[in-house]
Protein backbone atom coordinates (compact mmCIF):
# COMPACT_ATOMS: atom_id res chain seq x y z
CA MET A 1 12.36 41.25 -8.84
CA ASP A 2 9.70 38.58 -9.08
CA ASN A 3 9.24 35.30 -7.22
CA VAL A 4 11.63 36.15 -4.38
CA ILE A 5 11.62 33.40 -1.74
CA ARG A 6 10.41 34.94 1.53
CA GLY A 7 9.69 31.81 3.56
CA ALA A 8 9.42 28.03 3.48
CA ASN A 9 7.98 25.12 5.42
CA TRP A 10 8.38 21.32 5.45
CA TRP A 11 6.04 18.55 6.50
CA PHE A 12 6.83 14.83 6.96
CA ASP A 13 3.41 13.19 6.52
CA ALA A 14 1.40 14.95 9.27
CA LEU A 15 4.47 16.27 11.16
CA ASN A 16 4.92 20.03 10.65
CA THR A 17 8.54 21.18 11.10
CA TRP A 18 8.04 24.94 10.78
CA LYS A 19 9.15 25.75 14.34
CA ALA A 20 12.44 23.85 14.02
CA LEU A 21 13.19 24.02 10.29
CA ASP A 22 16.70 25.30 9.70
CA GLU A 23 17.72 24.31 6.19
CA VAL A 24 16.36 22.39 3.18
CA THR A 25 18.30 21.09 0.19
CA LEU A 26 15.85 20.11 -2.50
CA PRO A 27 16.66 17.29 -4.93
CA ASP A 28 18.62 18.05 -8.06
CA PHE A 29 16.26 17.70 -11.00
CA ALA A 30 18.63 16.26 -13.57
CA ARG A 31 18.45 14.01 -16.60
CA ALA A 32 20.62 10.91 -16.80
CA THR A 33 22.36 10.75 -20.15
CA GLU A 34 24.03 8.10 -22.26
CA ALA A 35 26.76 8.61 -24.83
CA PHE A 36 25.61 7.71 -28.32
CA GLY A 37 27.69 7.76 -31.46
CA SER A 38 26.86 6.80 -35.01
CA ALA A 39 28.66 3.90 -36.73
CA ALA A 40 30.37 6.14 -39.28
CA GLY A 41 30.59 9.23 -37.12
CA ASN A 42 33.42 10.68 -35.14
CA TRP A 43 31.25 12.47 -32.65
CA GLU A 44 29.28 11.31 -29.63
CA VAL A 45 26.26 13.01 -28.18
CA ASN A 46 25.00 12.54 -24.63
CA TRP A 47 21.28 11.87 -25.15
CA PRO A 48 18.89 12.12 -22.20
CA GLU A 49 17.72 8.64 -21.26
CA GLY A 50 15.95 9.00 -17.94
CA TRP A 51 16.22 10.80 -14.61
CA GLN A 52 18.93 10.68 -11.99
CA ALA A 53 18.05 9.36 -8.54
CA MET A 54 16.98 12.14 -6.19
CA THR A 55 17.96 13.02 -2.63
CA ALA A 56 16.71 15.79 -0.35
CA THR A 57 18.15 16.87 3.00
CA ILE A 58 16.33 18.64 5.79
CA LYS A 59 18.10 20.12 8.80
CA LEU A 60 16.12 20.71 11.98
CA ARG A 61 17.11 22.47 15.18
CA ASN A 62 15.34 20.00 17.43
CA ASN A 63 15.44 16.28 18.14
CA ASP A 64 11.87 15.09 17.56
CA PRO A 65 11.48 11.35 18.27
CA ASP A 66 8.46 11.17 15.91
CA ILE A 67 10.63 12.39 13.01
CA ARG A 68 13.61 10.23 14.01
CA ALA A 69 11.29 7.21 14.03
CA LEU A 70 10.60 7.74 10.30
CA CYS A 71 14.14 6.59 9.46
CA GLY A 72 14.67 2.94 8.57
CA ARG A 73 11.41 2.10 6.84
CA GLU A 74 11.40 -0.38 3.99
CA PRO A 75 10.29 0.27 0.38
CA GLY A 76 6.52 0.34 0.22
CA ASP A 77 6.25 2.14 3.57
CA TYR A 78 7.05 5.52 2.01
CA ILE A 79 6.89 8.93 3.65
CA THR A 80 5.22 11.79 1.84
CA ALA A 81 6.99 15.09 2.36
CA TYR A 82 5.63 18.51 1.44
CA TYR A 83 7.80 21.55 0.85
CA TYR A 84 5.99 24.90 0.75
CA GLU A 85 7.56 28.10 -0.54
CA TYR A 86 6.21 31.61 -0.07
CA LEU A 87 7.18 33.87 -2.97
CA ARG A 88 6.75 37.62 -3.25
CA ASN A 89 6.82 39.78 -6.37
CA TYR A 90 8.46 43.07 -5.54
CA SER A 91 7.35 44.68 -8.79
CA ASN A 92 3.61 44.43 -8.04
CA GLY A 93 3.40 43.19 -4.41
CA GLU A 94 1.74 39.90 -5.38
CA SER A 95 2.18 36.77 -3.23
CA LYS A 96 2.57 33.36 -4.85
CA GLY A 97 3.15 29.80 -3.74
CA ARG A 98 5.17 26.80 -4.77
CA VAL A 99 4.70 23.26 -3.47
CA ILE A 100 6.94 20.24 -4.00
CA ILE A 101 5.62 16.82 -3.01
CA LEU A 102 8.16 14.05 -2.48
CA LYS A 103 7.51 10.43 -1.64
CA GLY A 104 10.46 8.38 -0.46
CA LEU A 105 12.36 7.05 2.52
CA ILE A 106 14.47 8.67 5.21
CA ASN A 107 17.59 6.55 4.95
CA SER A 108 19.98 8.43 7.21
CA ILE A 109 20.12 10.75 10.18
CA LYS A 110 23.20 12.83 10.84
CA ASP A 111 23.53 14.30 14.32
CA GLU A 112 25.79 17.30 14.01
CA THR A 113 28.43 18.21 16.56
CA LYS A 114 27.14 19.46 19.90
CA GLN A 115 29.11 22.25 21.54
CA ARG A 116 28.64 22.64 25.27
CA MET A 117 24.88 23.06 25.61
CA LYS A 118 24.37 24.34 22.09
CA ALA A 119 22.75 21.99 19.57
CA THR A 120 23.76 22.69 16.00
CA GLY A 121 21.12 20.56 14.31
CA ILE A 122 20.08 17.20 12.99
CA GLU A 123 20.07 16.44 9.28
CA TYR A 124 17.66 13.96 7.71
CA GLU A 125 18.35 12.55 4.26
CA MET A 126 15.36 11.55 2.19
CA SER A 127 16.26 9.29 -0.71
CA THR A 128 14.66 6.38 -2.57
CA ILE A 129 12.39 9.13 -3.92
CA VAL A 130 9.66 7.56 -6.06
CA LEU A 131 7.48 10.66 -6.55
CA TYR A 132 8.55 14.21 -7.35
CA HIS A 133 5.84 16.78 -8.09
CA ASP A 134 6.81 20.46 -8.39
CA MET A 135 3.85 22.87 -8.60
CA PHE A 136 3.83 26.64 -8.96
CA GLU A 137 0.50 28.33 -8.27
CA GLY A 138 -1.30 25.04 -8.99
CA ARG A 139 0.49 24.45 -12.31
CA SER A 140 2.43 21.19 -12.62
CA VAL A 141 5.90 22.23 -13.69
CA HIS A 142 7.48 18.77 -13.22
CA LYS A 143 6.02 15.46 -12.14
CA LEU A 144 7.82 12.11 -12.06
CA ASP A 145 6.11 9.05 -10.59
CA TYR A 146 8.23 5.90 -10.61
CA PHE A 147 5.31 3.52 -10.09
CA ALA A 148 2.82 5.22 -12.43
CA GLY A 149 5.29 4.94 -15.29
CA PRO A 150 6.57 7.23 -18.02
CA GLY A 151 3.09 8.08 -19.31
CA SER A 152 2.40 10.01 -16.10
CA THR A 153 5.51 12.20 -16.45
CA ILE A 154 4.65 15.89 -16.77
CA ILE A 155 7.08 18.53 -17.98
CA ASP A 156 5.59 22.03 -18.20
CA GLY A 157 2.06 20.66 -18.50
CA LYS A 158 2.95 18.22 -21.27
CA MET A 159 3.31 14.42 -21.18
CA PRO A 160 6.48 13.87 -23.26
CA PHE A 161 6.49 10.09 -22.83
CA GLY A 162 2.75 9.56 -23.35
CA ASP A 163 3.17 8.07 -26.84
CA MET A 164 5.93 5.73 -25.67
CA ALA A 165 3.79 4.50 -22.76
CA ARG A 166 0.76 4.03 -25.04
CA ILE A 167 2.69 2.12 -27.72
CA LEU A 168 4.43 -0.10 -25.14
CA ALA A 169 1.20 -0.55 -23.12
CA ILE A 170 2.81 0.83 -19.96
CA GLY A 171 0.51 2.11 -17.21
CA GLY A 172 0.05 5.82 -16.70
CA ALA A 173 -0.73 6.70 -20.32
């Protein structure tokens, strides 16, 4: 068994959550599609057109006012979040790392039910994500940057929209 997740950590800007981190739900990395059919055809195909909006949730076991204060910012005042993953290969004992960088806004805080004196957690939702960069051992697996444009998109080390950005004179190519 290779690349078994053995630990994780989350940072909001310079705020390290490792002592209180309970649960992370990373964004779905999914293409948006559009149905397309030919004029004489009787068959539609859902062609990939772009990327679906992304949302991540982070559940902490504490109530940190510095993290709570990150909620409610306006576009342009983005938060950069870093997710670190410790991976272990059981076949050869090798350790590896994965890092996902997200830039977006914390748009909601959900205080979970409190039972007697037991806190069950606080969930932060990060959405309006304008940067998604997934790296494995320093290799860019996926990178989407809303403001840099399609020419900066990386999929498995390749720039699939580089020609489009160049021909249309869009930044990032």
